[in-house]
PDB file of N, CA and C in Angstrom:
ATOM      1  N   MET A   1       0.822  -1.190   0.000  1.00  0.00           N
ATOM      2  CA  MET A   1       0.000   0.000   0.000  1.00  0.00           C
ATOM      3  C   MET A   1       0.865   1.251   0.000  1.00  0.00           C
ATOM      4  N   VAL A   2       1.989   1.190   0.683  1.00  0.00           N
ATOM      5  CA  VAL A   2       2.876   2.357   0.754  1.00  0.00           C
ATOM      6  C   VAL A   2       3.305   2.799  -0.642  1.00  0.00           C
ATOM      7  N   ALA A   3       3.512   1.836  -1.527  1.00  0.00           N
ATOM      8  CA  ALA A   3       3.946   2.145  -2.895  1.00  0.00           C
ATOM      9  C   ALA A   3       2.786   2.598  -3.774  1.00  0.00           C
ATOM     10  N   GLY A   4       1.568   2.584  -3.245  1.00  0.00           N
ATOM     11  CA  GLY A   4       0.412   3.009  -4.014  1.00  0.00           C
ATOM     12  C   GLY A   4      -0.191   1.924  -4.878  1.00  0.00           C
ATOM     13  N   ASN A   5       0.162   0.678  -4.605  1.00  0.00           N
ATOM     14  CA  ASN A   5      -0.358  -0.435  -5.390  1.00  0.00           C
ATOM     15  C   ASN A   5      -1.836  -0.675  -5.097  1.00  0.00           C
ATOM     16  N   THR A   6      -2.555  -1.115  -6.128  1.00  0.00           N
ATOM     17  CA  THR A   6      -3.951  -1.501  -5.950  1.00  0.00           C
ATOM     18  C   THR A   6      -4.005  -2.879  -5.303  1.00  0.00           C
ATOM     19  N   ASN A   7      -5.203  -3.258  -4.864  1.00  0.00           N
ATOM     20  CA  ASN A   7      -5.375  -4.593  -4.289  1.00  0.00           C
ATOM     21  C   ASN A   7      -4.976  -5.660  -5.301  1.00  0.00           C
ATOM     22  N   ARG A   8      -5.338  -5.458  -6.546  1.00  0.00           N
ATOM     23  CA  ARG A   8      -5.000  -6.431  -7.590  1.00  0.00           C
ATOM     24  C   ARG A   8      -3.482  -6.544  -7.737  1.00  0.00           C
ATOM     25  N   GLU A   9      -2.793  -5.415  -7.758  1.00  0.00           N
ATOM     26  CA  GLU A   9      -1.330  -5.422  -7.903  1.00  0.00           C
ATOM     27  C   GLU A   9      -0.669  -6.097  -6.705  1.00  0.00           C
ATOM     28  N   ILE A  10      -1.173  -5.815  -5.527  1.00  0.00           N
ATOM     29  CA  ILE A  10      -0.638  -6.450  -4.322  1.00  0.00           C
ATOM     30  C   ILE A  10      -0.832  -7.961  -4.405  1.00  0.00           C
ATOM     31  N   GLY A  11      -2.024  -8.374  -4.808  1.00  0.00           N
ATOM     32  CA  GLY A  11      -2.317  -9.796  -4.949  1.00  0.00           C
ATOM     33  C   GLY A  11      -1.397 -10.485  -5.941  1.00  0.00           C
ATOM     34  N   GLU A  12      -1.155  -9.812  -7.072  1.00  0.00           N
ATOM     35  CA  GLU A  12      -0.265 -10.394  -8.079  1.00  0.00           C
ATOM     36  C   GLU A  12       1.154 -10.548  -7.542  1.00  0.00           C
ATOM     37  N   LYS A  13       1.617  -9.545  -6.815  1.00  0.00           N
ATOM     38  CA  LYS A  13       2.979  -9.610  -6.259  1.00  0.00           C
ATOM     39  C   LYS A  13       3.109 -10.694  -5.199  1.00  0.00           C
ATOM     40  N   LEU A  14       2.046 -10.899  -4.427  1.00  0.00           N
ATOM     41  CA  LEU A  14       2.086 -11.882  -3.338  1.00  0.00           C
ATOM     42  C   LEU A  14       1.530 -13.242  -3.748  1.00  0.00           C
ATOM     43  N   HIS A  15       1.040 -13.336  -4.981  1.00  0.00           N
ATOM     44  CA  HIS A  15       0.464 -14.583  -5.502  1.00  0.00           C
ATOM     45  C   HIS A  15      -0.737 -15.030  -4.677  1.00  0.00           C
ATOM     46  N   ILE A  16      -1.598 -14.058  -4.344  1.00  0.00           N
ATOM     47  CA  ILE A  16      -2.859 -14.347  -3.662  1.00  0.00           C
ATOM     48  C   ILE A  16      -3.978 -13.635  -4.405  1.00  0.00           C
ATOM     49  N   LYS A  17      -5.205 -14.040  -4.153  1.00  0.00           N
ATOM     50  CA  LYS A  17      -6.352 -13.466  -4.846  1.00  0.00           C
ATOM     51  C   LYS A  17      -6.733 -12.113  -4.227  1.00  0.00           C
ATOM     52  N   GLU A  18      -7.336 -11.276  -5.061  1.00  0.00           N
ATOM     53  CA  GLU A  18      -7.719  -9.927  -4.633  1.00  0.00           C
ATOM     54  C   GLU A  18      -8.626  -9.922  -3.394  1.00  0.00           C
ATOM     55  N   PRO A  19      -9.622 -10.819  -3.290  1.00  0.00           N
ATOM     56  CA  PRO A  19     -10.439 -10.822  -2.065  1.00  0.00           C
ATOM     57  C   PRO A  19      -9.621 -11.101  -0.801  1.00  0.00           C
ATOM     58  N   THR A  20      -8.566 -11.896  -0.924  1.00  0.00           N
ATOM     59  CA  THR A  20      -7.693 -12.170   0.218  1.00  0.00           C
ATOM     60  C   THR A  20      -6.948 -10.899   0.612  1.00  0.00           C
ATOM     61  N   VAL A  21      -6.499 -10.147  -0.378  1.00  0.00           N
ATOM     62  CA  VAL A  21      -5.824  -8.867  -0.103  1.00  0.00           C
ATOM     63  C   VAL A  21      -6.783  -7.939   0.634  1.00  0.00           C
ATOM     64  N   LYS A  22      -8.019  -7.843   0.146  1.00  0.00           N
ATOM     65  CA  LYS A  22      -9.015  -6.975   0.789  1.00  0.00           C
ATOM     66  C   LYS A  22      -9.237  -7.371   2.238  1.00  0.00           C
ATOM     67  N   SER A  23      -9.287  -8.664   2.486  1.00  0.00           N
ATOM     68  CA  SER A  23      -9.482  -9.160   3.846  1.00  0.00           C
ATOM     69  C   SER A  23      -8.321  -8.754   4.750  1.00  0.00           C
ATOM     70  N   HIS A  24      -7.108  -8.920   4.252  1.00  0.00           N
ATOM     71  CA  HIS A  24      -5.927  -8.548   5.039  1.00  0.00           C
ATOM     72  C   HIS A  24      -5.892  -7.041   5.294  1.00  0.00           C
ATOM     73  N   ILE A  25      -6.249  -6.270   4.288  1.00  0.00           N
ATOM     74  CA  ILE A  25      -6.241  -4.807   4.452  1.00  0.00           C
ATOM     75  C   ILE A  25      -7.281  -4.379   5.483  1.00  0.00           C
ATOM     76  N   THR A  26      -8.437  -5.024   5.484  1.00  0.00           N
ATOM     77  CA  THR A  26      -9.453  -4.730   6.494  1.00  0.00           C
ATOM     78  C   THR A  26      -8.903  -4.988   7.894  1.00  0.00           C
ATOM     79  N   LEU A  27      -8.191  -6.103   8.063  1.00  0.00           N
ATOM     80  CA  LEU A  27      -7.588  -6.413   9.366  1.00  0.00           C
ATOM     81  C   LEU A  27      -6.511  -5.401   9.736  1.00  0.00           C
ATOM     82  N   ILE A  28      -5.730  -4.966   8.748  1.00  0.00           N
ATOM     83  CA  ILE A  28      -4.704  -3.941   8.987  1.00  0.00           C
ATOM     84  C   ILE A  28      -5.359  -2.660   9.474  1.00  0.00           C
ATOM     85  N   PHE A  29      -6.446  -2.253   8.813  1.00  0.00           N
ATOM     86  CA  PHE A  29      -7.174  -1.045   9.226  1.00  0.00           C
ATOM     87  C   PHE A  29      -7.624  -1.164  10.673  1.00  0.00           C
ATOM     88  N   MET A  30      -8.189  -2.321  11.034  1.00  0.00           N
ATOM     89  CA  MET A  30      -8.674  -2.513  12.403  1.00  0.00           C
ATOM     90  C   MET A  30      -7.529  -2.438  13.405  1.00  0.00           C
ATOM     91  N   ARG A  31      -6.408  -3.092  13.100  1.00  0.00           N
ATOM     92  CA  ARG A  31      -5.273  -3.092  14.033  1.00  0.00           C
ATOM     93  C   ARG A  31      -4.660  -1.717  14.201  1.00  0.00           C
ATOM     94  N   LEU A  32      -4.637  -0.947  13.118  1.00  0.00           N
ATOM     95  CA  LEU A  32      -4.060   0.394  13.189  1.00  0.00           C
ATOM     96  C   LEU A  32      -5.069   1.432  13.670  1.00  0.00           C
ATOM     97  N   GLY A  33      -6.339   1.080  13.710  1.00  0.00           N
ATOM     98  CA  GLY A  33      -7.383   2.009  14.131  1.00  0.00           C
ATOM     99  C   GLY A  33      -7.631   3.103  13.107  1.00  0.00           C
ATOM    100  N   VAL A  34      -7.641   2.722  11.835  1.00  0.00           N
ATOM    101  CA  VAL A  34      -7.848   3.689  10.749  1.00  0.00           C
ATOM    102  C   VAL A  34      -9.021   3.235   9.884  1.00  0.00           C
ATOM    103  N   THR A  35      -9.438   4.136   8.974  1.00  0.00           N
ATOM    104  CA  THR A  35     -10.590   3.813   8.131  1.00  0.00           C
ATOM    105  C   THR A  35     -10.280   3.851   6.638  1.00  0.00           C
ATOM    106  N   ASN A  36      -9.050   4.216   6.277  1.00  0.00           N
ATOM    107  CA  ASN A  36      -8.723   4.230   4.847  1.00  0.00           C
ATOM    108  C   ASN A  36      -7.235   3.994   4.630  1.00  0.00           C
ATOM    109  N   ARG A  37      -6.883   3.790   3.345  1.00  0.00           N
ATOM    110  CA  ARG A  37      -5.506   3.446   2.978  1.00  0.00           C
ATOM    111  C   ARG A  37      -4.516   4.556   3.335  1.00  0.00           C
ATOM    112  N   THR A  38      -4.920   5.794   3.110  1.00  0.00           N
ATOM    113  CA  THR A  38      -4.009   6.909   3.395  1.00  0.00           C
ATOM    114  C   THR A  38      -3.658   6.944   4.874  1.00  0.00           C
ATOM    115  N   GLN A  39      -4.655   6.822   5.725  1.00  0.00           N
ATOM    116  CA  GLN A  39      -4.402   6.810   7.162  1.00  0.00           C
ATOM    117  C   GLN A  39      -3.525   5.626   7.551  1.00  0.00           C
ATOM    118  N   ALA A  40      -3.769   4.475   6.937  1.00  0.00           N
ATOM    119  CA  ALA A  40      -2.981   3.276   7.241  1.00  0.00           C
ATOM    120  C   ALA A  40      -1.524   3.482   6.861  1.00  0.00           C
ATOM    121  N   VAL A  41      -1.288   4.052   5.692  1.00  0.00           N
ATOM    122  CA  VAL A  41       0.086   4.288   5.235  1.00  0.00           C
ATOM    123  C   VAL A  41       0.793   5.276   6.148  1.00  0.00           C
ATOM    124  N   VAL A  42       0.111   6.359   6.517  1.00  0.00           N
ATOM    125  CA  VAL A  42       0.723   7.359   7.396  1.00  0.00           C
ATOM    126  C   VAL A  42       1.098   6.731   8.735  1.00  0.00           C
ATOM    127  N   LYS A  43       0.174   5.967   9.320  1.00  0.00           N
ATOM    128  CA  LYS A  43       0.469   5.319  10.609  1.00  0.00           C
ATOM    129  C   LYS A  43       1.604   4.314  10.483  1.00  0.00           C
ATOM    130  N   ALA A  44       1.591   3.543   9.410  1.00  0.00           N
ATOM    131  CA  ALA A  44       2.643   2.547   9.206  1.00  0.00           C
ATOM    132  C   ALA A  44       4.003   3.223   9.070  1.00  0.00           C
ATOM    133  N   LEU A  45       4.057   4.302   8.305  1.00  0.00           N
ATOM    134  CA  LEU A  45       5.327   5.016   8.129  1.00  0.00           C
ATOM    135  C   LEU A  45       5.817   5.603   9.452  1.00  0.00           C
ATOM    136  N   LYS A  46       4.903   6.142  10.238  1.00  0.00           N
ATOM    137  CA  LYS A  46       5.279   6.699  11.541  1.00  0.00           C
ATOM    138  C   LYS A  46       5.802   5.624  12.480  1.00  0.00           C
ATOM    139  N   ARG A  47       5.313   4.394  12.304  1.00  0.00           N
ATOM    140  CA  ARG A  47       5.739   3.271  13.160  1.00  0.00           C
ATOM    141  C   ARG A  47       6.933   2.517  12.572  1.00  0.00           C
ATOM    142  N   GLY A  48       7.396   2.953  11.423  1.00  0.00           N
ATOM    143  CA  GLY A  48       8.542   2.293  10.800  1.00  0.00           C
ATOM    144  C   GLY A  48       8.196   0.973  10.150  1.00  0.00           C
ATOM    145  N   LEU A  49       6.946   0.808   9.697  1.00  0.00           N
ATOM    146  CA  LEU A  49       6.477  -0.458   9.140  1.00  0.00           C
ATOM    147  C   LEU A  49       6.475  -0.482   7.619  1.00  0.00           C
ATOM    148  N   GLU A  50       7.120   0.452   6.981  1.00  0.00           N
ATOM    149  CA  GLU A  50       7.040   0.516   5.514  1.00  0.00           C
ATOM    150  C   GLU A  50       7.651  -0.692   4.820  1.00  0.00           C
ATOM    151  N   HIS A  51       8.470  -1.463   5.500  1.00  0.00           N
ATOM    152  CA  HIS A  51       9.108  -2.617   4.879  1.00  0.00           C
ATOM    153  C   HIS A  51       8.219  -3.842   4.860  1.00  0.00           C
ATOM    154  N   LEU A  52       7.085  -3.792   5.565  1.00  0.00           N
ATOM    155  CA  LEU A  52       6.190  -4.954   5.640  1.00  0.00           C
ATOM    156  C   LEU A  52       5.306  -5.023   4.436  1.00  0.00           C
TER     157      LEU A  52
END
């Protein structure tokens, strides 16, 4: 997400289906306490998680 990839692009890179990516992103949002990708990226960068 940090690189601006779509769910489809993320899925292709990780060799998983797009619905699986969506599911993981939903869990990421919940864990970070955010409601959108921009907020998730900002929080991740502040926490030093950009390599994940």
